[in-house]
Amino acid sequence: MNSALAAPGKSIRTLRLLAGLTLEQTAEEADVSSTYLSRVETGKVRATPKWLGHVAGVIADHLGRTA
């Protein structure tokens, strides 16, 4: 796995876990495939900045509600 490719996914996973969200919950709330989200988190695929921003926004909204 290329570390540069995995970096955004690792950040998404870290934030998701801090928010207390499962992969499935995050995918459902963001209206994205849980399989694709998993592949992004593990660095197997490279998501677009727009996609990453959308998913990060969903996680941030959840973090804001739990803070």
Protein backbone atom coordinates (compact mmCIF):
# COMPACT_ATOMS: atom_id res chain seq x y z
CA MET A 1 0.00 0.00 0.00
CA ASN A 2 1.32 3.43 -0.98
CA SER A 3 1.41 5.62 2.14
CA ALA A 4 0.52 8.76 0.17
CA LEU A 5 -2.53 6.97 -1.22
CA ALA A 6 -3.55 5.71 2.22
CA ALA A 7 -3.12 9.02 4.10
CA PRO A 8 -6.56 10.55 3.37
CA GLY A 9 -8.27 7.25 4.09
CA LYS A 10 -6.45 6.84 7.39
CA SER A 11 -7.60 10.32 8.39
CA ILE A 12 -11.21 9.53 7.46
CA ARG A 13 -11.05 6.29 9.48
CA THR A 14 -9.52 8.03 12.50
CA LEU A 15 -12.19 10.74 12.49
CA ARG A 16 -14.95 8.20 11.95
CA LEU A 17 -13.80 6.19 14.95
CA LEU A 18 -13.49 9.34 17.09
CA ALA A 19 -17.09 10.13 16.16
CA GLY A 20 -18.13 6.65 17.31
CA LEU A 21 -19.45 5.74 13.87
CA THR A 22 -19.26 2.35 12.24
CA LEU A 23 -18.23 2.06 8.63
CA GLU A 24 -21.81 1.12 7.73
CA GLN A 25 -23.32 4.07 9.62
CA THR A 26 -20.96 6.49 7.93
CA ALA A 27 -21.64 5.06 4.49
CA GLU A 28 -25.39 5.21 5.03
CA GLU A 29 -25.35 8.80 6.32
CA ALA A 30 -23.05 9.90 3.49
CA ASP A 31 -25.04 7.91 0.91
CA VAL A 32 -21.91 6.12 -0.31
CA SER A 33 -20.99 2.48 -0.70
CA SER A 34 -19.60 0.89 2.46
CA THR A 35 -17.33 -1.23 0.27
CA TYR A 36 -15.89 1.86 -1.41
CA LEU A 37 -15.49 3.64 1.93
CA SER A 38 -13.58 0.64 3.26
CA ARG A 39 -11.33 0.61 0.20
CA VAL A 40 -10.60 4.32 0.64
CA GLU A 41 -9.84 3.87 4.33
CA THR A 42 -7.38 1.07 3.57
CA GLY A 43 -5.72 2.95 0.71
CA LYS A 44 -6.82 0.50 -1.97
CA VAL A 45 -8.49 3.25 -4.02
CA ARG A 46 -8.01 7.00 -4.30
CA ALA A 47 -11.15 9.03 -3.74
CA THR A 48 -11.69 12.45 -5.26
CA PRO A 49 -11.27 15.52 -3.06
CA LYS A 50 -15.00 16.20 -3.45
CA TRP A 51 -15.88 12.69 -2.22
CA LEU A 52 -13.47 12.96 0.71
CA GLY A 53 -14.90 16.36 1.64
CA HIS A 54 -18.44 15.02 1.56
CA VAL A 55 -17.66 12.06 3.82
CA ALA A 56 -15.54 14.21 6.14
CA GLY A 57 -18.43 16.67 6.37
CA VAL A 58 -20.82 13.94 7.46
CA ILE A 59 -18.34 12.82 10.12
CA ALA A 60 -17.75 16.44 11.25
CA ASP A 61 -21.50 16.98 11.61
CA HIS A 62 -21.66 13.93 13.85
CA LEU A 63 -18.67 15.09 15.88
CA GLY A 64 -20.36 18.47 16.34
CA ARG A 65 -23.47 16.79 17.72
CA THR A 66 -21.50 14.66 20.18
CA ALA A 67 -19.14 17.40 21.41
